[in-house]
All heavy atoms as atom14 arrays in JSON, in Angstrom:
{
  "sequence": "DRDANANAYISYSLIMGEIQGLAVSFFVSIQSGTGNIYAVGS",
  "atom14_mask": [
    [1, 1, 1, 1, 1, 1, 1, 1, 0, 0, 0, 0, 0, 0],
    [1, 1, 1, 1, 1, 1, 1, 1, 1, 1, 1, 0, 0, 0],
    [1, 1, 1, 1, 1, 1, 1, 1, 0, 0, 0, 0, 0, 0],
    [1, 1, 1, 1, 1, 0, 0, 0, 0, 0, 0, 0, 0, 0],
    [1, 1, 1, 1, 1, 1, 1, 1, 0, 0, 0, 0, 0, 0],
    [1, 1, 1, 1, 1, 0, 0, 0, 0, 0, 0, 0, 0, 0],
    [1, 1, 1, 1, 1, 1, 1, 1, 0, 0, 0, 0, 0, 0],
    [1, 1, 1, 1, 1, 0, 0, 0, 0, 0, 0, 0, 0, 0],
    [1, 1, 1, 1, 1, 1, 1, 1, 1, 1, 1, 1, 0, 0],
    [1, 1, 1, 1, 1, 1, 1, 1, 0, 0, 0, 0, 0, 0],
    [1, 1, 1, 1, 1, 1, 0, 0, 0, 0, 0, 0, 0, 0],
    [1, 1, 1, 1, 1, 1, 1, 1, 1, 1, 1, 1, 0, 0],
    [1, 1, 1, 1, 1, 1, 0, 0, 0, 0, 0, 0, 0, 0],
    [1, 1, 1, 1, 1, 1, 1, 1, 0, 0, 0, 0, 0, 0],
    [1, 1, 1, 1, 1, 1, 1, 1, 0, 0, 0, 0, 0, 0],
    [1, 1, 1, 1, 1, 1, 1, 1, 0, 0, 0, 0, 0, 0],
    [1, 1, 1, 1, 0, 0, 0, 0, 0, 0, 0, 0, 0, 0],
    [1, 1, 1, 1, 1, 1, 1, 1, 1, 0, 0, 0, 0, 0],
    [1, 1, 1, 1, 1, 1, 1, 1, 0, 0, 0, 0, 0, 0],
    [1, 1, 1, 1, 1, 1, 1, 1, 1, 0, 0, 0, 0, 0],
    [1, 1, 1, 1, 0, 0, 0, 0, 0, 0, 0, 0, 0, 0],
    [1, 1, 1, 1, 1, 1, 1, 1, 0, 0, 0, 0, 0, 0],
    [1, 1, 1, 1, 1, 0, 0, 0, 0, 0, 0, 0, 0, 0],
    [1, 1, 1, 1, 1, 1, 1, 0, 0, 0, 0, 0, 0, 0],
    [1, 1, 1, 1, 1, 1, 0, 0, 0, 0, 0, 0, 0, 0],
    [1, 1, 1, 1, 1, 1, 1, 1, 1, 1, 1, 0, 0, 0],
    [1, 1, 1, 1, 1, 1, 1, 1, 1, 1, 1, 0, 0, 0],
    [1, 1, 1, 1, 1, 1, 1, 0, 0, 0, 0, 0, 0, 0],
    [1, 1, 1, 1, 1, 1, 0, 0, 0, 0, 0, 0, 0, 0],
    [1, 1, 1, 1, 1, 1, 1, 1, 0, 0, 0, 0, 0, 0],
    [1, 1, 1, 1, 1, 1, 1, 1, 1, 0, 0, 0, 0, 0],
    [1, 1, 1, 1, 1, 1, 0, 0, 0, 0, 0, 0, 0, 0],
    [1, 1, 1, 1, 0, 0, 0, 0, 0, 0, 0, 0, 0, 0],
    [1, 1, 1, 1, 1, 1, 1, 0, 0, 0, 0, 0, 0, 0],
    [1, 1, 1, 1, 0, 0, 0, 0, 0, 0, 0, 0, 0, 0],
    [1, 1, 1, 1, 1, 1, 1, 1, 0, 0, 0, 0, 0, 0],
    [1, 1, 1, 1, 1, 1, 1, 1, 0, 0, 0, 0, 0, 0],
    [1, 1, 1, 1, 1, 1, 1, 1, 1, 1, 1, 1, 0, 0],
    [1, 1, 1, 1, 1, 0, 0, 0, 0, 0, 0, 0, 0, 0],
    [1, 1, 1, 1, 1, 1, 1, 0, 0, 0, 0, 0, 0, 0],
    [1, 1, 1, 1, 0, 0, 0, 0, 0, 0, 0, 0, 0, 0],
    [1, 1, 1, 1, 1, 1, 0, 0, 0, 0, 0, 0, 0, 0]
  ],
  "atom14_positions": [
    [[148.09, 55.01, 89.65], [148.57, 53.81, 90.34], [149.15, 52.87, 89.29], [148.49, 52.54, 88.32], [147.42, 53.13, 91.08], [147.92, 52.11, 92.11], [148.7, 51.22, 91.72], [147.54, 52.22, 93.28], [0.0, 0.0, 0.0], [0.0, 0.0, 0.0], [0.0, 0.0, 0.0], [0.0, 0.0, 0.0], [0.0, 0.0, 0.0], [0.0, 0.0, 0.0]],
    [[150.38, 52.45, 89.46], [151.08, 51.64, 88.46], [150.68, 50.17, 88.51], [151.1, 49.38, 87.66], [152.6, 51.76, 88.65], [153.13, 53.18, 88.41], [154.62, 53.3, 88.67], [155.37, 52.39, 87.8], [156.25, 51.49, 88.24], [156.45, 51.36, 89.55], [156.9, 50.73, 87.41], [0.0, 0.0, 0.0], [0.0, 0.0, 0.0], [0.0, 0.0, 0.0]],
    [[149.87, 49.81, 89.49], [149.4, 48.42, 89.54], [148.31, 48.18, 88.51], [148.01, 49.04, 87.69], [148.93, 48.08, 90.96], [150.08, 48.05, 91.96], [151.13, 47.49, 91.61], [149.92, 48.61, 93.06], [0.0, 0.0, 0.0], [0.0, 0.0, 0.0], [0.0, 0.0, 0.0], [0.0, 0.0, 0.0], [0.0, 0.0, 0.0], [0.0, 0.0, 0.0]],
    [[147.7, 46.98, 88.58], [146.7, 46.61, 87.59], [145.41, 46.18, 88.27], [145.38, 45.84, 89.47], [147.22, 45.47, 86.7], [0.0, 0.0, 0.0], [0.0, 0.0, 0.0], [0.0, 0.0, 0.0], [0.0, 0.0, 0.0], [0.0, 0.0, 0.0], [0.0, 0.0, 0.0], [0.0, 0.0, 0.0], [0.0, 0.0, 0.0], [0.0, 0.0, 0.0]],
    [[144.32, 46.21, 87.48], [143.01, 45.73, 87.92], [142.59, 46.43, 89.21], [142.72, 47.65, 89.33], [143.03, 44.21, 88.07], [143.4, 43.52, 86.77], [142.97, 43.94, 85.7], [144.23, 42.49, 86.85], [0.0, 0.0, 0.0], [0.0, 0.0, 0.0], [0.0, 0.0, 0.0], [0.0, 0.0, 0.0], [0.0, 0.0, 0.0], [0.0, 0.0, 0.0]],
    [[142.08, 45.67, 90.2], [141.58, 46.29, 91.42], [142.68, 47.02, 92.17], [142.43, 48.01, 92.88], [140.95, 45.23, 92.33], [0.0, 0.0, 0.0], [0.0, 0.0, 0.0], [0.0, 0.0, 0.0], [0.0, 0.0, 0.0], [0.0, 0.0, 0.0], [0.0, 0.0, 0.0], [0.0, 0.0, 0.0], [0.0, 0.0, 0.0], [0.0, 0.0, 0.0]],
    [[143.92, 46.56, 92.01], [145.04, 47.21, 92.7], [145.26, 48.63, 92.2], [145.96, 49.42, 92.85], [146.32, 46.4, 92.51], [146.24, 45.04, 93.18], [145.54, 44.87, 94.16], [146.95, 44.07, 92.63], [0.0, 0.0, 0.0], [0.0, 0.0, 0.0], [0.0, 0.0, 0.0], [0.0, 0.0, 0.0], [0.0, 0.0, 0.0], [0.0, 0.0, 0.0]],
    [[144.71, 48.95, 91.04], [144.91, 50.29, 90.46], [143.66, 51.15, 90.52], [143.68, 52.3, 90.07], [145.38, 50.16, 89.0], [0.0, 0.0, 0.0], [0.0, 0.0, 0.0], [0.0, 0.0, 0.0], [0.0, 0.0, 0.0], [0.0, 0.0, 0.0], [0.0, 0.0, 0.0], [0.0, 0.0, 0.0], [0.0, 0.0, 0.0], [0.0, 0.0, 0.0]],
    [[142.55, 50.6, 91.05], [141.31, 51.39, 91.14], [141.43, 52.35, 92.32], [141.65, 51.92, 93.46], [140.1, 50.5, 91.3], [138.81, 51.28, 91.4], [138.21, 51.8, 90.26], [138.22, 51.52, 92.64], [137.04, 52.55, 90.35], [137.06, 52.25, 92.75], [136.48, 52.76, 91.59], [135.33, 53.5, 91.69], [0.0, 0.0, 0.0], [0.0, 0.0, 0.0]],
    [[141.26, 53.64, 92.07], [141.5, 54.66, 93.08], [140.18, 55.3, 93.52], [139.32, 55.62, 92.69], [142.43, 55.76, 92.53], [143.77, 55.15, 92.12], [142.63, 56.87, 93.56], [144.68, 56.14, 91.4], [0.0, 0.0, 0.0], [0.0, 0.0, 0.0], [0.0, 0.0, 0.0], [0.0, 0.0, 0.0], [0.0, 0.0, 0.0], [0.0, 0.0, 0.0]],
    [[140.04, 55.47, 94.81], [138.92, 56.24, 95.35], [139.51, 57.4, 96.17], [140.54, 57.26, 96.83], [138.02, 55.38, 96.24], [138.75, 54.84, 97.33], [0.0, 0.0, 0.0], [0.0, 0.0, 0.0], [0.0, 0.0, 0.0], [0.0, 0.0, 0.0], [0.0, 0.0, 0.0], [0.0, 0.0, 0.0], [0.0, 0.0, 0.0], [0.0, 0.0, 0.0]],
    [[138.81, 58.55, 96.08], [139.3, 59.77, 96.73], [138.41, 60.1, 97.92], [137.19, 59.88, 97.9], [139.29, 60.94, 95.74], [140.16, 60.72, 94.53], [139.67, 60.08, 93.4], [141.47, 61.17, 94.52], [140.47, 59.88, 92.28], [142.28, 60.99, 93.41], [141.77, 60.33, 92.28], [142.56, 60.14, 91.18], [0.0, 0.0, 0.0], [0.0, 0.0, 0.0]],
    [[139.03, 60.65, 98.95], [138.27, 61.06, 100.13], [138.99, 62.22, 100.81], [140.16, 62.52, 100.52], [138.13, 59.89, 101.12], [139.4, 59.46, 101.56], [0.0, 0.0, 0.0], [0.0, 0.0, 0.0], [0.0, 0.0, 0.0], [0.0, 0.0, 0.0], [0.0, 0.0, 0.0], [0.0, 0.0, 0.0], [0.0, 0.0, 0.0], [0.0, 0.0, 0.0]],
    [[138.26, 62.9, 101.7], [138.83, 64.0, 102.47], [139.29, 63.48, 103.82], [138.58, 62.7, 104.47], [137.8, 65.1, 102.67], [137.28, 65.79, 101.39], [136.14, 66.75, 101.76], [138.41, 66.54, 100.69], [0.0, 0.0, 0.0], [0.0, 0.0, 0.0], [0.0, 0.0, 0.0], [0.0, 0.0, 0.0], [0.0, 0.0, 0.0], [0.0, 0.0, 0.0]],
    [[140.48, 63.89, 104.22], [140.94, 63.58, 105.56], [140.19, 64.5, 106.53], [140.22, 65.73, 106.4], [142.46, 63.79, 105.71], [143.22, 62.87, 104.74], [142.91, 63.53, 107.14], [143.03, 61.4, 105.01], [0.0, 0.0, 0.0], [0.0, 0.0, 0.0], [0.0, 0.0, 0.0], [0.0, 0.0, 0.0], [0.0, 0.0, 0.0], [0.0, 0.0, 0.0]],
    [[139.51, 63.88, 107.46], [138.67, 64.66, 108.36], [139.5, 65.6, 109.23], [140.58, 65.26, 109.69], [137.83, 63.74, 109.23], [136.73, 63.02, 108.44], [135.51, 64.15, 107.71], [136.08, 64.27, 106.02], [0.0, 0.0, 0.0], [0.0, 0.0, 0.0], [0.0, 0.0, 0.0], [0.0, 0.0, 0.0], [0.0, 0.0, 0.0], [0.0, 0.0, 0.0]],
    [[138.97, 66.77, 109.42], [139.6, 67.78, 110.26], [138.58, 68.89, 110.52], [137.39, 68.75, 110.19], [0.0, 0.0, 0.0], [0.0, 0.0, 0.0], [0.0, 0.0, 0.0], [0.0, 0.0, 0.0], [0.0, 0.0, 0.0], [0.0, 0.0, 0.0], [0.0, 0.0, 0.0], [0.0, 0.0, 0.0], [0.0, 0.0, 0.0], [0.0, 0.0, 0.0]],
    [[139.04, 69.98, 111.07], [138.14, 71.1, 111.38], [138.66, 72.4, 110.77], [139.88, 72.61, 110.65], [137.98, 71.27, 112.89], [137.21, 70.13, 113.55], [136.94, 70.41, 115.03], [137.51, 71.4, 115.56], [136.16, 69.65, 115.63], [0.0, 0.0, 0.0], [0.0, 0.0, 0.0], [0.0, 0.0, 0.0], [0.0, 0.0, 0.0], [0.0, 0.0, 0.0]],
    [[137.72, 73.24, 110.39], [138.02, 74.58, 109.91], [137.13, 75.53, 110.71], [135.89, 75.44, 110.66], [137.72, 74.73, 108.41], [138.56, 73.73, 107.6], [137.98, 76.15, 107.94], [138.2, 73.68, 106.14], [0.0, 0.0, 0.0], [0.0, 0.0, 0.0], [0.0, 0.0, 0.0], [0.0, 0.0, 0.0], [0.0, 0.0, 0.0], [0.0, 0.0, 0.0]],
    [[137.76, 76.39, 111.5], [137.02, 77.3, 112.38], [136.01, 76.56, 113.25], [134.87, 76.98, 113.45], [136.31, 78.4, 111.56], [137.27, 79.34, 110.85], [136.54, 80.45, 110.11], [135.35, 80.35, 109.82], [137.27, 81.53, 109.8], [0.0, 0.0, 0.0], [0.0, 0.0, 0.0], [0.0, 0.0, 0.0], [0.0, 0.0, 0.0], [0.0, 0.0, 0.0]],
    [[136.46, 75.39, 113.75], [135.62, 74.62, 114.66], [134.56, 73.77, 113.99], [133.8, 73.09, 114.68], [0.0, 0.0, 0.0], [0.0, 0.0, 0.0], [0.0, 0.0, 0.0], [0.0, 0.0, 0.0], [0.0, 0.0, 0.0], [0.0, 0.0, 0.0], [0.0, 0.0, 0.0], [0.0, 0.0, 0.0], [0.0, 0.0, 0.0], [0.0, 0.0, 0.0]],
    [[134.49, 73.83, 112.65], [133.5, 73.03, 111.93], [134.2, 71.96, 111.1], [135.35, 72.13, 110.66], [132.67, 73.93, 111.0], [131.83, 75.01, 111.69], [131.17, 75.9, 110.65], [130.77, 74.37, 112.59], [0.0, 0.0, 0.0], [0.0, 0.0, 0.0], [0.0, 0.0, 0.0], [0.0, 0.0, 0.0], [0.0, 0.0, 0.0], [0.0, 0.0, 0.0]],
    [[133.53, 70.85, 110.87], [134.1, 69.74, 110.09], [134.4, 70.19, 108.66], [133.71, 71.06, 108.1], [133.15, 68.55, 110.07], [0.0, 0.0, 0.0], [0.0, 0.0, 0.0], [0.0, 0.0, 0.0], [0.0, 0.0, 0.0], [0.0, 0.0, 0.0], [0.0, 0.0, 0.0], [0.0, 0.0, 0.0], [0.0, 0.0, 0.0], [0.0, 0.0, 0.0]],
    [[135.45, 69.62, 108.07], [135.84, 69.94, 106.7], [134.67, 69.75, 105.74], [134.47, 70.54, 104.8], [137.04, 69.07, 106.26], [137.28, 69.17, 104.76], [138.29, 69.46, 107.03], [0.0, 0.0, 0.0], [0.0, 0.0, 0.0], [0.0, 0.0, 0.0], [0.0, 0.0, 0.0], [0.0, 0.0, 0.0], [0.0, 0.0, 0.0], [0.0, 0.0, 0.0]],
    [[133.88, 68.72, 105.99], [132.76, 68.41, 105.1], [131.69, 69.5, 105.1], [130.81, 69.52, 104.24], [132.12, 67.08, 105.49], [131.68, 67.1, 106.84], [0.0, 0.0, 0.0], [0.0, 0.0, 0.0], [0.0, 0.0, 0.0], [0.0, 0.0, 0.0], [0.0, 0.0, 0.0], [0.0, 0.0, 0.0], [0.0, 0.0, 0.0], [0.0, 0.0, 0.0]],
    [[131.76, 70.43, 106.07], [130.82, 71.54, 106.09], [131.16, 72.56, 104.99], [130.3, 73.31, 104.54], [130.85, 72.22, 107.47], [129.88, 73.34, 107.63], [128.55, 73.1, 107.97], [130.29, 74.67, 107.46], [127.66, 74.15, 108.11], [129.4, 75.72, 107.6], [128.07, 75.45, 107.92], [0.0, 0.0, 0.0], [0.0, 0.0, 0.0], [0.0, 0.0, 0.0]],
    [[132.41, 72.55, 104.54], [132.87, 73.53, 103.56], [133.04, 72.95, 102.16], [132.71, 73.62, 101.17], [134.21, 74.13, 104.03], [134.11, 74.89, 105.3], [134.29, 74.25, 106.53], [133.83, 76.25, 105.31], [134.21, 74.95, 107.72], [133.74, 76.96, 106.49], [133.92, 76.31, 107.71], [0.0, 0.0, 0.0], [0.0, 0.0, 0.0], [0.0, 0.0, 0.0]],
    [[133.6, 71.75, 102.07], [133.88, 71.17, 100.75], [133.46, 69.69, 100.73], [133.32, 69.05, 101.77], [135.39, 71.26, 100.38], [135.82, 72.71, 100.22], [136.24, 70.55, 101.41], [0.0, 0.0, 0.0], [0.0, 0.0, 0.0], [0.0, 0.0, 0.0], [0.0, 0.0, 0.0], [0.0, 0.0, 0.0], [0.0, 0.0, 0.0], [0.0, 0.0, 0.0]],
    [[133.27, 69.2, 99.49], [132.99, 67.76, 99.29], [133.86, 67.27, 98.14], [134.38, 68.07, 97.35], [131.5, 67.54, 98.97], [131.18, 68.13, 97.72], [0.0, 0.0, 0.0], [0.0, 0.0, 0.0], [0.0, 0.0, 0.0], [0.0, 0.0, 0.0], [0.0, 0.0, 0.0], [0.0, 0.0, 0.0], [0.0, 0.0, 0.0], [0.0, 0.0, 0.0]],
    [[134.04, 65.97, 98.04], [134.87, 65.4, 96.99], [134.13, 64.22, 96.36], [133.44, 63.45, 97.07], [136.25, 64.96, 97.51], [137.18, 64.59, 96.36], [136.13, 63.81, 98.51], [138.64, 64.43, 96.78], [0.0, 0.0, 0.0], [0.0, 0.0, 0.0], [0.0, 0.0, 0.0], [0.0, 0.0, 0.0], [0.0, 0.0, 0.0], [0.0, 0.0, 0.0]],
    [[134.23, 64.09, 95.04], [133.63, 62.96, 94.34], [134.65, 61.81, 94.37], [135.77, 61.94, 93.86], [133.29, 63.34, 92.9], [132.39, 62.33, 92.2], [131.91, 62.87, 90.87], [132.63, 63.58, 90.16], [130.68, 62.54, 90.52], [0.0, 0.0, 0.0], [0.0, 0.0, 0.0], [0.0, 0.0, 0.0], [0.0, 0.0, 0.0], [0.0, 0.0, 0.0]],
    [[134.25, 60.7, 94.98], [135.21, 59.63, 95.26], [135.8, 59.0, 94.01], [136.95, 58.55, 94.02], [134.53, 58.53, 96.1], [133.47, 57.93, 95.37], [0.0, 0.0, 0.0], [0.0, 0.0, 0.0], [0.0, 0.0, 0.0], [0.0, 0.0, 0.0], [0.0, 0.0, 0.0], [0.0, 0.0, 0.0], [0.0, 0.0, 0.0], [0.0, 0.0, 0.0]],
    [[135.03, 58.98, 92.93], [135.54, 58.32, 91.73], [136.41, 59.17, 90.84], [137.19, 58.66, 90.03], [0.0, 0.0, 0.0], [0.0, 0.0, 0.0], [0.0, 0.0, 0.0], [0.0, 0.0, 0.0], [0.0, 0.0, 0.0], [0.0, 0.0, 0.0], [0.0, 0.0, 0.0], [0.0, 0.0, 0.0], [0.0, 0.0, 0.0], [0.0, 0.0, 0.0]],
    [[136.3, 60.52, 90.98], [137.02, 61.41, 90.06], [138.04, 62.31, 90.73], [138.94, 62.82, 90.08], [136.03, 62.3, 89.29], [135.34, 63.14, 90.24], [135.02, 61.46, 88.53], [0.0, 0.0, 0.0], [0.0, 0.0, 0.0], [0.0, 0.0, 0.0], [0.0, 0.0, 0.0], [0.0, 0.0, 0.0], [0.0, 0.0, 0.0], [0.0, 0.0, 0.0]],
    [[137.88, 62.55, 92.04], [138.77, 63.48, 92.73], [138.36, 64.92, 92.57], [139.1, 65.84, 92.96], [0.0, 0.0, 0.0], [0.0, 0.0, 0.0], [0.0, 0.0, 0.0], [0.0, 0.0, 0.0], [0.0, 0.0, 0.0], [0.0, 0.0, 0.0], [0.0, 0.0, 0.0], [0.0, 0.0, 0.0], [0.0, 0.0, 0.0], [0.0, 0.0, 0.0]],
    [[137.15, 65.17, 91.98], [136.65, 66.54, 91.84], [136.22, 67.09, 93.21], [135.49, 66.4, 93.95], [135.46, 66.59, 90.87], [135.87, 66.23, 89.46], [137.03, 66.4, 89.08], [134.92, 65.74, 88.67], [0.0, 0.0, 0.0], [0.0, 0.0, 0.0], [0.0, 0.0, 0.0], [0.0, 0.0, 0.0], [0.0, 0.0, 0.0], [0.0, 0.0, 0.0]],
    [[136.65, 68.31, 93.5], [136.31, 68.94, 94.79], [135.34, 70.09, 94.53], [135.53, 70.9, 93.6], [137.58, 69.46, 95.49], [138.54, 68.29, 95.77], [137.23, 70.17, 96.8], [139.87, 68.72, 96.37], [0.0, 0.0, 0.0], [0.0, 0.0, 0.0], [0.0, 0.0, 0.0], [0.0, 0.0, 0.0], [0.0, 0.0, 0.0], [0.0, 0.0, 0.0]],
    [[134.3, 70.16, 95.37], [133.24, 71.17, 95.22], [133.07, 71.94, 96.51], [133.31, 71.43, 97.62], [131.91, 70.5, 94.84], [131.97, 69.69, 93.57], [132.25, 68.31, 93.62], [131.77, 70.28, 92.33], [132.3, 67.56, 92.47], [131.83, 69.53, 91.17], [132.1, 68.17, 91.24], [132.17, 67.43, 90.08], [0.0, 0.0, 0.0], [0.0, 0.0, 0.0]],
    [[132.61, 73.19, 96.35], [132.23, 73.99, 97.51], [130.84, 73.58, 97.96], [129.92, 73.49, 97.17], [132.26, 75.47, 97.16], [0.0, 0.0, 0.0], [0.0, 0.0, 0.0], [0.0, 0.0, 0.0], [0.0, 0.0, 0.0], [0.0, 0.0, 0.0], [0.0, 0.0, 0.0], [0.0, 0.0, 0.0], [0.0, 0.0, 0.0], [0.0, 0.0, 0.0]],
    [[130.7, 73.33, 99.27], [129.39, 72.93, 99.79], [128.46, 74.14, 99.86], [127.29, 74.07, 99.48], [129.53, 72.27, 101.16], [128.15, 72.04, 101.81], [130.28, 70.95, 101.03], [0.0, 0.0, 0.0], [0.0, 0.0, 0.0], [0.0, 0.0, 0.0], [0.0, 0.0, 0.0], [0.0, 0.0, 0.0], [0.0, 0.0, 0.0], [0.0, 0.0, 0.0]],
    [[128.99, 75.24, 100.33], [128.17, 76.45, 100.44], [128.89, 77.64, 99.81], [129.82, 77.49, 99.03], [0.0, 0.0, 0.0], [0.0, 0.0, 0.0], [0.0, 0.0, 0.0], [0.0, 0.0, 0.0], [0.0, 0.0, 0.0], [0.0, 0.0, 0.0], [0.0, 0.0, 0.0], [0.0, 0.0, 0.0], [0.0, 0.0, 0.0], [0.0, 0.0, 0.0]],
    [[128.45, 78.8, 100.16], [129.02, 80.04, 99.63], [130.05, 80.57, 100.63], [129.8, 80.63, 101.84], [127.92, 81.08, 99.42], [128.44, 82.27, 98.9], [0.0, 0.0, 0.0], [0.0, 0.0, 0.0], [0.0, 0.0, 0.0], [0.0, 0.0, 0.0], [0.0, 0.0, 0.0], [0.0, 0.0, 0.0], [0.0, 0.0, 0.0], [0.0, 0.0, 0.0]]
  ]
}
């Protein structure tokens, strides 16, 4: 973000949706401060 201070602080999130009838959050999660994405299960 080319802005400064709070205008440049970024938080990451998943846009809610479904995968095979289940919520996206059932499959993956995201760390809001870093943008790292993890598998919830196997």
